[in-house]
């Protein structure tokens, strides 16, 4: 059975919007490189390996309990997928945001080996 890009992206969107940390991690390789679209470094924040990604995700879902990503469009093949989205959320004690962005996913044997997120800046 070959790679089903539609099913992969559907599952990806489902686990992220369900805040399903175990589901998200099950889609990643053990040595995944995860780069968030925000952070102090030029690449945002980086977590390497599923334990570090778990910690990052649990913290993010605590800080932004209503965060979600609504897909705009996607492209998926066995080696790479790109998912464009509109993300919304309200950080605890903060102001609601709405911004477009995308994830560029490097895939290895049907799992995410690298996830690099980018989003539009609001000035």
C-alpha atoms as a PDB file:
ATOM      1  CA  UNK A   1       0.000   0.000   0.000  1.00  0.00           C
ATOM      2  CA  UNK A   2       1.365   3.408  -0.988  1.00  0.00           C
ATOM      3  CA  UNK A   3       1.335   6.745   0.745  1.00  0.00           C
ATOM      4  CA  UNK A   4      -2.123   8.353   0.928  1.00  0.00           C
ATOM      5  CA  UNK A   5      -1.471  12.086   1.157  1.00  0.00           C
ATOM      6  CA  UNK A   6      -5.133  12.970   1.676  1.00  0.00           C
ATOM      7  CA  UNK A   7      -5.468  10.579   4.632  1.00  0.00           C
ATOM      8  CA  UNK A   8      -2.141  11.749   6.079  1.00  0.00           C
ATOM      9  CA  UNK A   9      -3.144  15.432   6.036  1.00  0.00           C
ATOM     10  CA  UNK A  10      -6.629  14.648   7.392  1.00  0.00           C
ATOM     11  CA  UNK A  11      -5.088  12.775  10.339  1.00  0.00           C
ATOM     12  CA  UNK A  12      -2.522  15.566  10.838  1.00  0.00           C
ATOM     13  CA  UNK A  13      -5.268  18.210  11.046  1.00  0.00           C
ATOM     14  CA  UNK A  14      -7.419  16.031  13.317  1.00  0.00           C
ATOM     15  CA  UNK A  15      -4.755  15.335  15.943  1.00  0.00           C
ATOM     16  CA  UNK A  16      -3.535  18.936  16.029  1.00  0.00           C
ATOM     17  CA  UNK A  17      -7.012  20.438  16.388  1.00  0.00           C
ATOM     18  CA  UNK A  18      -7.902  17.757  18.939  1.00  0.00           C
ATOM     19  CA  UNK A  19      -4.836  18.728  21.009  1.00  0.00           C
ATOM     20  CA  UNK A  20      -4.039  14.996  20.915  1.00  0.00           C
ATOM     21  CA  UNK A  21      -0.373  15.004  21.950  1.00  0.00           C
ATOM     22  CA  UNK A  22      -0.039  11.207  21.683  1.00  0.00           C
ATOM     23  CA  UNK A  23      -1.675  11.304  18.240  1.00  0.00           C
ATOM     24  CA  UNK A  24       0.649  14.078  17.084  1.00  0.00           C
ATOM     25  CA  UNK A  25       3.731  12.229  18.330  1.00  0.00           C
ATOM     26  CA  UNK A  26       2.584   8.979  16.693  1.00  0.00           C
ATOM     27  CA  UNK A  27       2.905  10.771  13.339  1.00  0.00           C
ATOM     28  CA  UNK A  28       6.546  11.731  14.043  1.00  0.00           C
ATOM     29  CA  UNK A  29       9.851   9.895  13.969  1.00  0.00           C
ATOM     30  CA  UNK A  30      11.588   9.453  17.340  1.00  0.00           C
ATOM     31  CA  UNK A  31      14.300  11.933  16.291  1.00  0.00           C
ATOM     32  CA  UNK A  32      11.942  14.527  14.769  1.00  0.00           C
ATOM     33  CA  UNK A  33      13.126  18.113  14.369  1.00  0.00           C
ATOM     34  CA  UNK A  34      10.294  20.437  15.326  1.00  0.00           C
ATOM     35  CA  UNK A  35      10.547  24.166  14.660  1.00  0.00           C
ATOM     36  CA  UNK A  36       7.733  26.422  15.834  1.00  0.00           C
ATOM     37  CA  UNK A  37       6.782  29.598  13.976  1.00  0.00           C
ATOM     38  CA  UNK A  38       7.633  31.694  17.021  1.00  0.00           C
ATOM     39  CA  UNK A  39      10.581  31.971  19.364  1.00  0.00           C
ATOM     40  CA  UNK A  40      13.688  33.986  20.071  1.00  0.00           C
ATOM     41  CA  UNK A  41      15.895  32.369  17.427  1.00  0.00           C
ATOM     42  CA  UNK A  42      15.769  32.972  13.642  1.00  0.00           C
ATOM     43  CA  UNK A  43      14.151  29.521  13.227  1.00  0.00           C
ATOM     44  CA  UNK A  44      11.674  30.166  16.078  1.00  0.00           C
ATOM     45  CA  UNK A  45      11.789  27.609  18.861  1.00  0.00           C
ATOM     46  CA  UNK A  46      13.282  24.177  18.164  1.00  0.00           C
ATOM     47  CA  UNK A  47      12.622  20.864  19.881  1.00  0.00           C
ATOM     48  CA  UNK A  48      14.446  17.683  18.829  1.00  0.00           C
ATOM     49  CA  UNK A  49      13.074  14.217  19.603  1.00  0.00           C
ATOM     50  CA  UNK A  50       9.632  13.208  20.754  1.00  0.00           C
ATOM     51  CA  UNK A  51      10.221  13.806  24.511  1.00  0.00           C
ATOM     52  CA  UNK A  52      11.175  17.442  23.825  1.00  0.00           C
ATOM     53  CA  UNK A  53       8.282  17.869  21.375  1.00  0.00           C
ATOM     54  CA  UNK A  54       5.845  16.438  23.963  1.00  0.00           C
ATOM     55  CA  UNK A  55       7.025  18.996  26.519  1.00  0.00           C
ATOM     56  CA  UNK A  56       6.701  21.820  23.969  1.00  0.00           C
ATOM     57  CA  UNK A  57       3.179  20.765  22.908  1.00  0.00           C
ATOM     58  CA  UNK A  58       1.851  20.259  26.426  1.00  0.00           C
ATOM     59  CA  UNK A  59       3.097  23.732  27.361  1.00  0.00           C
ATOM     60  CA  UNK A  60       1.607  25.310  24.218  1.00  0.00           C
ATOM     61  CA  UNK A  61      -1.810  23.703  24.718  1.00  0.00           C
ATOM     62  CA  UNK A  62      -1.799  24.895  28.375  1.00  0.00           C
ATOM     63  CA  UNK A  63      -0.858  28.452  27.333  1.00  0.00           C
ATOM     64  CA  UNK A  64      -3.311  28.630  24.401  1.00  0.00           C
ATOM     65  CA  UNK A  65      -6.186  26.281  25.303  1.00  0.00           C
ATOM     66  CA  UNK A  66      -8.346  27.241  22.294  1.00  0.00           C
ATOM     67  CA  UNK A  67      -5.604  27.151  19.633  1.00  0.00           C
ATOM     68  CA  UNK A  68      -6.636  25.646  16.303  1.00  0.00           C
ATOM     69  CA  UNK A  69      -5.496  25.453  12.703  1.00  0.00           C
ATOM     70  CA  UNK A  70      -8.040  25.584   9.875  1.00  0.00           C
ATOM     71  CA  UNK A  71      -6.585  24.238   6.648  1.00  0.00           C
ATOM     72  CA  UNK A  72      -6.550  26.504   3.615  1.00  0.00           C
ATOM     73  CA  UNK A  73      -4.843  24.050   1.229  1.00  0.00           C
ATOM     74  CA  UNK A  74      -2.220  21.341   1.213  1.00  0.00           C
ATOM     75  CA  UNK A  75       0.191  19.367  -0.923  1.00  0.00           C
ATOM     76  CA  UNK A  76       1.448  15.917   0.061  1.00  0.00           C
ATOM     77  CA  UNK A  77       3.735  13.327  -1.470  1.00  0.00           C
ATOM     78  CA  UNK A  78       5.730  10.519   0.197  1.00  0.00           C
ATOM     79  CA  UNK A  79       8.759  12.725   0.953  1.00  0.00           C
ATOM     80  CA  UNK A  80       7.172  16.074   1.764  1.00  0.00           C
ATOM     81  CA  UNK A  81       3.914  17.741   2.692  1.00  0.00           C
ATOM     82  CA  UNK A  82       2.935  21.391   2.985  1.00  0.00           C
ATOM     83  CA  UNK A  83      -0.161  22.409   4.912  1.00  0.00           C
ATOM     84  CA  UNK A  84      -1.306  26.033   4.791  1.00  0.00           C
ATOM     85  CA  UNK A  85      -3.593  27.138   7.601  1.00  0.00           C
ATOM     86  CA  UNK A  86      -5.300  29.946   9.453  1.00  0.00           C
ATOM     87  CA  UNK A  87      -4.447  29.651  13.122  1.00  0.00           C
ATOM     88  CA  UNK A  88      -6.499  31.264  15.860  1.00  0.00           C
ATOM     89  CA  UNK A  89      -6.260  31.257  19.612  1.00  0.00           C
ATOM     90  CA  UNK A  90      -6.285  33.249  22.797  1.00  0.00           C
ATOM     91  CA  UNK A  91      -3.244  32.896  25.038  1.00  0.00           C
ATOM     92  CA  UNK A  92      -4.143  32.826  28.749  1.00  0.00           C
ATOM     93  CA  UNK A  93      -4.149  36.436  29.893  1.00  0.00           C
ATOM     94  CA  UNK A  94      -3.585  37.628  26.315  1.00  0.00           C
ATOM     95  CA  UNK A  95      -5.360  38.845  23.216  1.00  0.00           C
ATOM     96  CA  UNK A  96      -6.971  36.617  20.588  1.00  0.00           C
ATOM     97  CA  UNK A  97      -4.946  36.234  17.403  1.00  0.00           C
ATOM     98  CA  UNK A  98      -5.705  35.114  13.845  1.00  0.00           C
ATOM     99  CA  UNK A  99      -2.872  34.610  11.378  1.00  0.00           C
ATOM    100  CA  UNK A 100      -2.081  32.578   8.273  1.00  0.00           C
ATOM    101  CA  UNK A 101       0.899  30.274   8.058  1.00  0.00           C
ATOM    102  CA  UNK A 102       2.114  26.896   6.897  1.00  0.00           C
ATOM    103  CA  UNK A 103       3.908  23.761   7.980  1.00  0.00           C
ATOM    104  CA  UNK A 104       6.589  22.274   5.773  1.00  0.00           C
ATOM    105  CA  UNK A 105       6.881  18.611   6.677  1.00  0.00           C
ATOM    106  CA  UNK A 106       9.774  16.351   5.705  1.00  0.00           C
ATOM    107  CA  UNK A 107       8.523  12.766   5.710  1.00  0.00           C
ATOM    108  CA  UNK A 108      10.361   9.490   6.176  1.00  0.00           C
ATOM    109  CA  UNK A 109       8.467   6.200   5.797  1.00  0.00           C
ATOM    110  CA  UNK A 110       5.140   7.986   6.299  1.00  0.00           C
ATOM    111  CA  UNK A 111       6.191   9.825   9.464  1.00  0.00           C
ATOM    112  CA  UNK A 112       7.213  13.419  10.078  1.00  0.00           C
ATOM    113  CA  UNK A 113      11.008  13.654  10.373  1.00  0.00           C
ATOM    114  CA  UNK A 114      10.995  17.475  10.409  1.00  0.00           C
ATOM    115  CA  UNK A 115       8.217  20.012  10.925  1.00  0.00           C
ATOM    116  CA  UNK A 116       9.043  23.629  10.165  1.00  0.00           C
ATOM    117  CA  UNK A 117       6.300  26.179  10.755  1.00  0.00           C
ATOM    118  CA  UNK A 118       6.100  29.665   9.289  1.00  0.00           C
ATOM    119  CA  UNK A 119       3.460  32.339   9.704  1.00  0.00           C
ATOM    120  CA  UNK A 120       2.726  35.828   8.502  1.00  0.00           C
ATOM    121  CA  UNK A 121       3.852  38.625  10.771  1.00  0.00           C
ATOM    122  CA  UNK A 122       1.288  41.154  11.882  1.00  0.00           C
ATOM    123  CA  UNK A 123       2.598  44.706  12.150  1.00  0.00           C
END
